[in-house]
Amino acid sequence: MADTGSEARQGGPRHRWAEVGVALATALFGVIVILGSLQVGMGWGAEGPKAGFFPFYLGVMIIGASAANLARAVVEVDRDRIFADWGQLGQVVSVVIPAAVYVLVIPWIGIYVASALMIAAFMKWFGRYGWGLTASVAFVVPAVAYLLFEKWFLIPLPKGPIEDLLL
Protein backbone atom coordinates (compact mmCIF):
# COMPACT_ATOMS: atom_id res chain seq x y z
CA MET A 1 0.00 0.00 0.00
CA ALA A 2 2.98 2.28 -0.35
CA ASP A 3 1.95 3.41 -3.84
CA THR A 4 -0.55 6.22 -3.33
CA GLY A 5 -1.42 6.26 -7.03
CA SER A 6 -2.71 2.67 -6.93
CA GLU A 7 -4.54 3.40 -3.66
CA ALA A 8 -6.39 6.25 -5.29
CA ARG A 9 -7.38 4.04 -8.25
CA GLN A 10 -8.57 1.09 -6.14
CA GLY A 11 -10.51 3.14 -3.62
CA GLY A 12 -11.87 2.03 -0.31
CA PRO A 13 -12.75 3.48 3.05
CA ARG A 14 -10.30 5.92 4.55
CA HIS A 15 -8.15 4.86 7.49
CA ARG A 16 -9.32 7.82 9.57
CA TRP A 17 -12.98 6.81 9.30
CA ALA A 18 -12.18 3.20 10.18
CA GLU A 19 -10.37 4.41 13.30
CA VAL A 20 -13.24 6.74 14.21
CA GLY A 21 -15.80 3.97 13.68
CA VAL A 22 -13.90 1.51 15.88
CA ALA A 23 -13.44 4.16 18.61
CA LEU A 24 -17.17 4.94 18.60
CA ALA A 25 -18.12 1.25 18.60
CA THR A 26 -15.87 0.50 21.58
CA ALA A 27 -17.22 3.56 23.39
CA LEU A 28 -20.76 2.26 22.82
CA PHE A 29 -19.65 -1.11 24.22
CA GLY A 30 -18.29 0.72 27.29
CA VAL A 31 -21.64 2.48 27.76
CA ILE A 32 -23.46 -0.87 27.54
CA VAL A 33 -21.10 -2.34 30.16
CA ILE A 34 -21.75 0.62 32.48
CA LEU A 35 -25.52 0.42 32.05
CA GLY A 36 -25.45 -3.32 32.78
CA SER A 37 -23.35 -2.81 35.88
CA LEU A 38 -25.75 -0.15 37.15
CA GLN A 39 -28.65 -2.59 36.74
CA VAL A 40 -27.00 -5.22 38.95
CA GLY A 41 -25.54 -2.70 41.39
CA MET A 42 -22.07 -1.27 41.31
CA GLY A 43 -21.69 -0.05 44.87
CA TRP A 44 -20.39 -1.66 48.01
CA GLY A 45 -22.60 -4.02 49.98
CA ALA A 46 -22.31 -5.62 53.41
CA GLU A 47 -20.51 -8.59 51.87
CA GLY A 48 -18.17 -6.44 49.77
CA PRO A 49 -18.38 -5.13 46.21
CA LYS A 50 -21.61 -5.80 44.35
CA ALA A 51 -21.70 -7.66 41.04
CA GLY A 52 -21.44 -4.51 38.91
CA PHE A 53 -18.52 -2.94 40.78
CA PHE A 54 -15.70 -4.23 38.58
CA PRO A 55 -17.62 -4.03 35.26
CA PHE A 56 -18.56 -0.40 35.97
CA TYR A 57 -14.96 0.71 36.25
CA LEU A 58 -13.96 -1.48 33.35
CA GLY A 59 -16.63 0.30 31.26
CA VAL A 60 -15.24 3.67 32.35
CA MET A 61 -11.75 2.59 31.25
CA ILE A 62 -13.11 1.34 27.91
CA ILE A 63 -14.77 4.71 27.28
CA GLY A 64 -11.57 6.54 28.28
CA ALA A 65 -9.46 4.44 25.92
CA SER A 66 -12.03 4.95 23.16
CA ALA A 67 -11.90 8.71 23.67
CA ALA A 68 -8.09 8.62 23.41
CA ASN A 69 -8.31 6.54 20.22
CA LEU A 70 -10.92 8.89 18.77
CA ALA A 71 -8.77 11.95 19.51
CA ARG A 72 -5.72 10.27 17.97
CA ALA A 73 -7.69 9.28 14.89
CA VAL A 74 -8.94 12.82 14.34
CA VAL A 75 -5.60 14.54 15.01
CA GLU A 76 -2.89 12.14 13.85
CA VAL A 77 -4.21 9.82 11.15
CA ASP A 78 -3.56 10.86 7.55
CA ARG A 79 -6.80 12.06 5.99
CA ASP A 80 -6.17 10.42 2.58
CA ARG A 81 -4.69 7.07 3.67
CA ILE A 82 -6.82 4.11 2.62
CA PHE A 83 -7.72 1.56 5.31
CA ALA A 84 -8.23 -1.29 2.82
CA ASP A 85 -9.28 -1.53 -0.78
CA TRP A 86 -12.69 -2.95 -1.65
CA GLY A 87 -11.21 -6.27 -2.78
CA GLN A 88 -9.52 -6.80 0.58
CA LEU A 89 -12.75 -5.94 2.41
CA GLY A 90 -14.59 -8.41 0.19
CA GLN A 91 -12.20 -11.15 1.33
CA VAL A 92 -12.86 -10.28 4.96
CA VAL A 93 -16.62 -10.34 4.43
CA SER A 94 -16.34 -13.71 2.67
CA VAL A 95 -15.02 -15.12 5.96
CA VAL A 96 -17.11 -13.10 8.42
CA ILE A 97 -20.50 -13.99 6.92
CA PRO A 98 -20.00 -17.79 7.00
CA ALA A 99 -18.58 -17.50 10.53
CA ALA A 100 -21.66 -15.53 11.63
CA VAL A 101 -23.94 -18.13 10.03
CA TYR A 102 -21.98 -20.84 11.87
CA VAL A 103 -22.62 -19.14 15.21
CA LEU A 104 -26.30 -18.59 14.40
CA VAL A 105 -27.00 -22.23 13.45
CA ILE A 106 -25.31 -23.82 16.48
CA PRO A 107 -28.48 -23.71 18.64
CA TRP A 108 -30.46 -25.55 15.94
CA ILE A 109 -28.03 -28.13 14.60
CA GLY A 110 -25.46 -28.25 17.39
CA ILE A 111 -21.81 -27.33 17.51
CA TYR A 112 -20.45 -30.60 16.13
CA VAL A 113 -22.57 -30.74 12.98
CA ALA A 114 -22.14 -26.98 12.46
CA SER A 115 -18.38 -27.34 12.86
CA ALA A 116 -18.22 -30.20 10.36
CA LEU A 117 -20.18 -28.15 7.82
CA MET A 118 -18.07 -25.04 8.44
CA ILE A 119 -14.79 -26.94 8.08
CA ALA A 120 -15.98 -28.64 4.90
CA ALA A 121 -17.21 -25.37 3.40
CA PHE A 122 -13.99 -23.54 4.15
CA MET A 123 -11.79 -26.37 2.90
CA LYS A 124 -13.70 -26.62 -0.39
CA TRP A 125 -14.31 -22.90 -0.87
CA PHE A 126 -11.01 -21.37 0.18
CA GLY A 127 -8.62 -24.30 0.17
CA ARG A 128 -10.01 -26.08 -2.88
CA TYR A 129 -9.16 -29.44 -1.30
CA GLY A 130 -10.50 -32.71 -2.67
CA TRP A 131 -13.65 -34.30 -1.27
CA GLY A 132 -11.79 -37.13 0.45
CA LEU A 133 -9.53 -34.92 2.54
CA THR A 134 -12.34 -32.41 3.14
CA ALA A 135 -14.73 -35.08 4.41
CA SER A 136 -12.03 -36.68 6.55
CA VAL A 137 -11.00 -33.47 8.28
CA ALA A 138 -14.61 -32.27 8.61
CA PHE A 139 -15.44 -35.52 10.44
CA VAL A 140 -12.26 -35.98 12.51
CA VAL A 141 -11.96 -32.46 13.97
CA PRO A 142 -15.47 -32.35 15.52
CA ALA A 143 -15.07 -35.98 16.65
CA VAL A 144 -11.84 -35.11 18.46
CA ALA A 145 -13.51 -32.01 19.94
CA TYR A 146 -16.38 -34.22 21.14
CA LEU A 147 -14.02 -36.69 22.80
CA LEU A 148 -11.92 -33.94 24.32
CA PHE A 149 -14.73 -31.81 25.73
CA GLU A 150 -17.59 -34.23 26.35
CA LYS A 151 -15.70 -37.33 27.43
CA TRP A 152 -12.37 -36.15 28.83
CA PHE A 153 -13.17 -32.74 30.37
CA LEU A 154 -16.87 -33.56 30.93
CA ILE A 155 -17.91 -30.20 29.46
CA PRO A 156 -21.16 -30.46 27.51
CA LEU A 157 -21.32 -28.35 24.40
CA PRO A 158 -24.53 -27.40 22.54
CA LYS A 159 -26.06 -30.33 20.73
CA GLY A 160 -28.85 -30.01 18.23
CA PRO A 161 -31.57 -32.53 17.45
CA ILE A 162 -29.36 -34.39 14.96
CA GLU A 163 -26.65 -34.96 17.55
CA ASP A 164 -29.18 -36.03 20.19
CA LEU A 165 -30.18 -38.86 17.87
CA LEU A 166 -26.59 -39.89 17.23
CA LEU A 167 -25.19 -39.74 20.75
C-alpha atoms as a PDB file:
ATOM      1  CA  MET A   1       0.000   0.000   0.000  1.00  0.00           C
ATOM      2  CA  ALA A   2       2.984   2.283  -0.353  1.00  0.00           C
ATOM      3  CA  ASP A   3       1.952   3.409  -3.839  1.00  0.00           C
ATOM      4  CA  THR A   4      -0.553   6.222  -3.330  1.00  0.00           C
ATOM      5  CA  GLY A   5      -1.418   6.261  -7.025  1.00  0.00           C
ATOM      6  CA  SER A   6      -2.711   2.675  -6.935  1.00  0.00           C
ATOM      7  CA  GLU A   7      -4.536   3.401  -3.656  1.00  0.00           C
ATOM      8  CA  ALA A   8      -6.391   6.252  -5.294  1.00  0.00           C
ATOM      9  CA  ARG A   9      -7.381   4.039  -8.250  1.00  0.00           C
ATOM     10  CA  GLN A  10      -8.569   1.092  -6.136  1.00  0.00           C
ATOM     11  CA  GLY A  11     -10.505   3.139  -3.622  1.00  0.00           C
ATOM     12  CA  GLY A  12     -11.871   2.031  -0.309  1.00  0.00           C
ATOM     13  CA  PRO A  13     -12.752   3.483   3.047  1.00  0.00           C
ATOM     14  CA  ARG A  14     -10.303   5.922   4.554  1.00  0.00           C
ATOM     15  CA  HIS A  15      -8.155   4.858   7.486  1.00  0.00           C
ATOM     16  CA  ARG A  16      -9.316   7.815   9.568  1.00  0.00           C
ATOM     17  CA  TRP A  17     -12.978   6.811   9.304  1.00  0.00           C
ATOM     18  CA  ALA A  18     -12.181   3.203  10.178  1.00  0.00           C
ATOM     19  CA  GLU A  19     -10.374   4.413  13.301  1.00  0.00           C
ATOM     20  CA  VAL A  20     -13.240   6.745  14.209  1.00  0.00           C
ATOM     21  CA  GLY A  21     -15.798   3.973  13.683  1.00  0.00           C
ATOM     22  CA  VAL A  22     -13.903   1.513  15.885  1.00  0.00           C
ATOM     23  CA  ALA A  23     -13.437   4.156  18.612  1.00  0.00           C
ATOM     24  CA  LEU A  24     -17.168   4.943  18.597  1.00  0.00           C
ATOM     25  CA  ALA A  25     -18.115   1.248  18.601  1.00  0.00           C
ATOM     26  CA  THR A  26     -15.869   0.503  21.575  1.00  0.00           C
ATOM     27  CA  ALA A  27     -17.224   3.561  23.392  1.00  0.00           C
ATOM     28  CA  LEU A  28     -20.756   2.256  22.822  1.00  0.00           C
ATOM     29  CA  PHE A  29     -19.645  -1.112  24.222  1.00  0.00           C
ATOM     30  CA  GLY A  30     -18.294   0.718  27.294  1.00  0.00           C
ATOM     31  CA  VAL A  31     -21.636   2.480  27.758  1.00  0.00           C
ATOM     32  CA  ILE A  32     -23.461  -0.868  27.540  1.00  0.00           C
ATOM     33  CA  VAL A  33     -21.104  -2.345  30.159  1.00  0.00           C
ATOM     34  CA  ILE A  34     -21.750   0.615  32.479  1.00  0.00           C
ATOM     35  CA  LEU A  35     -25.518   0.417  32.054  1.00  0.00           C
ATOM     36  CA  GLY A  36     -25.453  -3.317  32.782  1.00  0.00           C
ATOM     37  CA  SER A  37     -23.347  -2.807  35.881  1.00  0.00           C
ATOM     38  CA  LEU A  38     -25.749  -0.153  37.148  1.00  0.00           C
ATOM     39  CA  GLN A  39     -28.647  -2.589  36.745  1.00  0.00           C
ATOM     40  CA  VAL A  40     -27.003  -5.219  38.954  1.00  0.00           C
ATOM     41  CA  GLY A  41     -25.540  -2.701  41.395  1.00  0.00           C
ATOM     42  CA  MET A  42     -22.072  -1.270  41.314  1.00  0.00           C
ATOM     43  CA  GLY A  43     -21.687  -0.048  44.870  1.00  0.00           C
ATOM     44  CA  TRP A  44     -20.388  -1.660  48.012  1.00  0.00           C
ATOM     45  CA  GLY A  45     -22.603  -4.017  49.985  1.00  0.00           C
ATOM     46  CA  ALA A  46     -22.314  -5.618  53.411  1.00  0.00           C
ATOM     47  CA  GLU A  47     -20.512  -8.594  51.870  1.00  0.00           C
ATOM     48  CA  GLY A  48     -18.173  -6.441  49.766  1.00  0.00           C
ATOM     49  CA  PRO A  49     -18.381  -5.132  46.207  1.00  0.00           C
ATOM     50  CA  LYS A  50     -21.605  -5.797  44.355  1.00  0.00           C
ATOM     51  CA  ALA A  51     -21.704  -7.661  41.036  1.00  0.00           C
ATOM     52  CA  GLY A  52     -21.440  -4.514  38.910  1.00  0.00           C
ATOM     53  CA  PHE A  53     -18.515  -2.942  40.783  1.00  0.00           C
ATOM     54  CA  PHE A  54     -15.698  -4.227  38.578  1.00  0.00           C
ATOM     55  CA  PRO A  55     -17.622  -4.029  35.264  1.00  0.00           C
ATOM     56  CA  PHE A  56     -18.559  -0.396  35.970  1.00  0.00           C
ATOM     57  CA  TYR A  57     -14.958   0.714  36.252  1.00  0.00           C
ATOM     58  CA  LEU A  58     -13.962  -1.477  33.352  1.00  0.00           C
ATOM     59  CA  GLY A  59     -16.634   0.296  31.260  1.00  0.00           C
ATOM     60  CA  VAL A  60     -15.242   3.671  32.349  1.00  0.00           C
ATOM     61  CA  MET A  61     -11.755   2.585  31.250  1.00  0.00           C
ATOM     62  CA  ILE A  62     -13.108   1.337  27.908  1.00  0.00           C
ATOM     63  CA  ILE A  63     -14.771   4.706  27.276  1.00  0.00           C
ATOM     64  CA  GLY A  64     -11.571   6.536  28.276  1.00  0.00           C
ATOM     65  CA  ALA A  65      -9.459   4.439  25.919  1.00  0.00           C
ATOM     66  CA  SER A  66     -12.029   4.947  23.160  1.00  0.00           C
ATOM     67  CA  ALA A  67     -11.900   8.707  23.671  1.00  0.00           C
ATOM     68  CA  ALA A  68      -8.095   8.620  23.413  1.00  0.00           C
ATOM     69  CA  ASN A  69      -8.308   6.544  20.217  1.00  0.00           C
ATOM     70  CA  LEU A  70     -10.916   8.893  18.774  1.00  0.00           C
ATOM     71  CA  ALA A  71      -8.768  11.949  19.512  1.00  0.00           C
ATOM     72  CA  ARG A  72      -5.718  10.271  17.970  1.00  0.00           C
ATOM     73  CA  ALA A  73      -7.691   9.283  14.887  1.00  0.00           C
ATOM     74  CA  VAL A  74      -8.936  12.818  14.344  1.00  0.00           C
ATOM     75  CA  VAL A  75      -5.603  14.537  15.012  1.00  0.00           C
ATOM     76  CA  GLU A  76      -2.887  12.136  13.851  1.00  0.00           C
ATOM     77  CA  VAL A  77      -4.211   9.816  11.152  1.00  0.00           C
ATOM     78  CA  ASP A  78      -3.558  10.865   7.553  1.00  0.00           C
ATOM     79  CA  ARG A  79      -6.804  12.058   5.985  1.00  0.00           C
ATOM     80  CA  ASP A  80      -6.171  10.423   2.580  1.00  0.00           C
ATOM     81  CA  ARG A  81      -4.691   7.074   3.671  1.00  0.00           C
ATOM     82  CA  ILE A  82      -6.821   4.109   2.617  1.00  0.00           C
ATOM     83  CA  PHE A  83      -7.715   1.558   5.308  1.00  0.00           C
ATOM     84  CA  ALA A  84      -8.227  -1.289   2.824  1.00  0.00           C
ATOM     85  CA  ASP A  85      -9.285  -1.534  -0.782  1.00  0.00           C
ATOM     86  CA  TRP A  86     -12.689  -2.948  -1.651  1.00  0.00           C
ATOM     87  CA  GLY A  87     -11.208  -6.272  -2.783  1.00  0.00           C
ATOM     88  CA  GLN A  88      -9.524  -6.796   0.584  1.00  0.00           C
ATOM     89  CA  LEU A  89     -12.748  -5.940   2.413  1.00  0.00           C
ATOM     90  CA  GLY A  90     -14.593  -8.414   0.191  1.00  0.00           C
ATOM     91  CA  GLN A  91     -12.199 -11.154   1.326  1.00  0.00           C
ATOM     92  CA  VAL A  92     -12.855 -10.277   4.965  1.00  0.00           C
ATOM     93  CA  VAL A  93     -16.623 -10.342   4.429  1.00  0.00           C
ATOM     94  CA  SER A  94     -16.343 -13.705   2.672  1.00  0.00           C
ATOM     95  CA  VAL A  95     -15.017 -15.121   5.955  1.00  0.00           C
ATOM     96  CA  VAL A  96     -17.112 -13.103   8.422  1.00  0.00           C
ATOM     97  CA  ILE A  97     -20.502 -13.986   6.918  1.00  0.00           C
ATOM     98  CA  PRO A  98     -20.003 -17.789   7.000  1.00  0.00           C
ATOM     99  CA  ALA A  99     -18.578 -17.497  10.535  1.00  0.00           C
ATOM    100  CA  ALA A 100     -21.655 -15.534  11.632  1.00  0.00           C
ATOM    101  CA  VAL A 101     -23.936 -18.131  10.028  1.00  0.00           C
ATOM    102  CA  TYR A 102     -21.977 -20.845  11.869  1.00  0.00           C
ATOM    103  CA  VAL A 103     -22.618 -19.143  15.212  1.00  0.00           C
ATOM    104  CA  LEU A 104     -26.298 -18.591  14.399  1.00  0.00           C
ATOM    105  CA  VAL A 105     -27.001 -22.231  13.448  1.00  0.00           C
ATOM    106  CA  ILE A 106     -25.307 -23.824  16.477  1.00  0.00           C
ATOM    107  CA  PRO A 107     -28.483 -23.706  18.643  1.00  0.00           C
ATOM    108  CA  TRP A 108     -30.464 -25.548  15.943  1.00  0.00           C
ATOM    109  CA  ILE A 109     -28.034 -28.127  14.598  1.00  0.00           C
ATOM    110  CA  GLY A 110     -25.461 -28.253  17.395  1.00  0.00           C
ATOM    111  CA  ILE A 111     -21.815 -27.334  17.512  1.00  0.00           C
ATOM    112  CA  TYR A 112     -20.448 -30.600  16.133  1.00  0.00           C
ATOM    113  CA  VAL A 113     -22.567 -30.737  12.977  1.00  0.00           C
ATOM    114  CA  ALA A 114     -22.142 -26.977  12.465  1.00  0.00           C
ATOM    115  CA  SER A 115     -18.377 -27.344  12.865  1.00  0.00           C
ATOM    116  CA  ALA A 116     -18.222 -30.200  10.363  1.00  0.00           C
ATOM    117  CA  LEU A 117     -20.181 -28.145   7.815  1.00  0.00           C
ATOM    118  CA  MET A 118     -18.072 -25.042   8.441  1.00  0.00           C
ATOM    119  CA  ILE A 119     -14.789 -26.937   8.082  1.00  0.00           C
ATOM    120  CA  ALA A 120     -15.976 -28.639   4.902  1.00  0.00           C
ATOM    121  CA  ALA A 121     -17.212 -25.372   3.397  1.00  0.00           C
ATOM    122  CA  PHE A 122     -13.990 -23.535   4.150  1.00  0.00           C
ATOM    123  CA  MET A 123     -11.792 -26.369   2.901  1.00  0.00           C
ATOM    124  CA  LYS A 124     -13.697 -26.622  -0.388  1.00  0.00           C
ATOM    125  CA  TRP A 125     -14.312 -22.900  -0.870  1.00  0.00           C
ATOM    126  CA  PHE A 126     -11.005 -21.368   0.182  1.00  0.00           C
ATOM    127  CA  GLY A 127      -8.618 -24.304   0.170  1.00  0.00           C
ATOM    128  CA  ARG A 128     -10.012 -26.084  -2.881  1.00  0.00           C
ATOM    129  CA  TYR A 129      -9.156 -29.441  -1.305  1.00  0.00           C
ATOM    130  CA  GLY A 130     -10.504 -32.705  -2.672  1.00  0.00           C
ATOM    131  CA  TRP A 131     -13.650 -34.298  -1.266  1.00  0.00           C
ATOM    132  CA  GLY A 132     -11.786 -37.133   0.446  1.00  0.00           C
ATOM    133  CA  LEU A 133      -9.532 -34.921   2.535  1.00  0.00           C
ATOM    134  CA  THR A 134     -12.336 -32.406   3.139  1.00  0.00           C
ATOM    135  CA  ALA A 135     -14.734 -35.078   4.413  1.00  0.00           C
ATOM    136  CA  SER A 136     -12.031 -36.679   6.554  1.00  0.00           C
ATOM    137  CA  VAL A 137     -11.000 -33.470   8.278  1.00  0.00           C
ATOM    138  CA  ALA A 138     -14.614 -32.268   8.606  1.00  0.00           C
ATOM    139  CA  PHE A 139     -15.441 -35.517  10.441  1.00  0.00           C
ATOM    140  CA  VAL A 140     -12.263 -35.979  12.514  1.00  0.00           C
ATOM    141  CA  VAL A 141     -11.959 -32.464  13.968  1.00  0.00           C
ATOM    142  CA  PRO A 142     -15.474 -32.348  15.521  1.00  0.00           C
ATOM    143  CA  ALA A 143     -15.068 -35.984  16.648  1.00  0.00           C
ATOM    144  CA  VAL A 144     -11.843 -35.110  18.462  1.00  0.00           C
ATOM    145  CA  ALA A 145     -13.512 -32.013  19.943  1.00  0.00           C
ATOM    146  CA  TYR A 146     -16.380 -34.222  21.140  1.00  0.00           C
ATOM    147  CA  LEU A 147     -14.023 -36.689  22.797  1.00  0.00           C
ATOM    148  CA  LEU A 148     -11.921 -33.936  24.322  1.00  0.00           C
ATOM    149  CA  PHE A 149     -14.733 -31.806  25.734  1.00  0.00           C
ATOM    150  CA  GLU A 150     -17.592 -34.233  26.348  1.00  0.00           C
ATOM    151  CA  LYS A 151     -15.697 -37.333  27.430  1.00  0.00           C
ATOM    152  CA  TRP A 152     -12.372 -36.155  28.826  1.00  0.00           C
ATOM    153  CA  PHE A 153     -13.166 -32.736  30.370  1.00  0.00           C
ATOM    154  CA  LEU A 154     -16.874 -33.556  30.925  1.00  0.00           C
ATOM    155  CA  ILE A 155     -17.909 -30.200  29.464  1.00  0.00           C
ATOM    156  CA  PRO A 156     -21.161 -30.464  27.513  1.00  0.00           C
ATOM    157  CA  LEU A 157     -21.322 -28.351  24.397  1.00  0.00           C
ATOM    158  CA  PRO A 158     -24.528 -27.400  22.541  1.00  0.00           C
ATOM    159  CA  LYS A 159     -26.058 -30.333  20.729  1.00  0.00           C
ATOM    160  CA  GLY A 160     -28.850 -30.009  18.232  1.00  0.00           C
ATOM    161  CA  PRO A 161     -31.569 -32.528  17.454  1.00  0.00           C
ATOM    162  CA  ILE A 162     -29.364 -34.391  14.961  1.00  0.00           C
ATOM    163  CA  GLU A 163     -26.651 -34.955  17.555  1.00  0.00           C
ATOM    164  CA  ASP A 164     -29.182 -36.028  20.189  1.00  0.00           C
ATOM    165  CA  LEU A 165     -30.181 -38.859  17.868  1.00  0.00           C
ATOM    166  CA  LEU A 166     -26.590 -39.894  17.229  1.00  0.00           C
ATOM    167  CA  LEU A 167     -25.193 -39.737  20.754  1.00  0.00           C
END
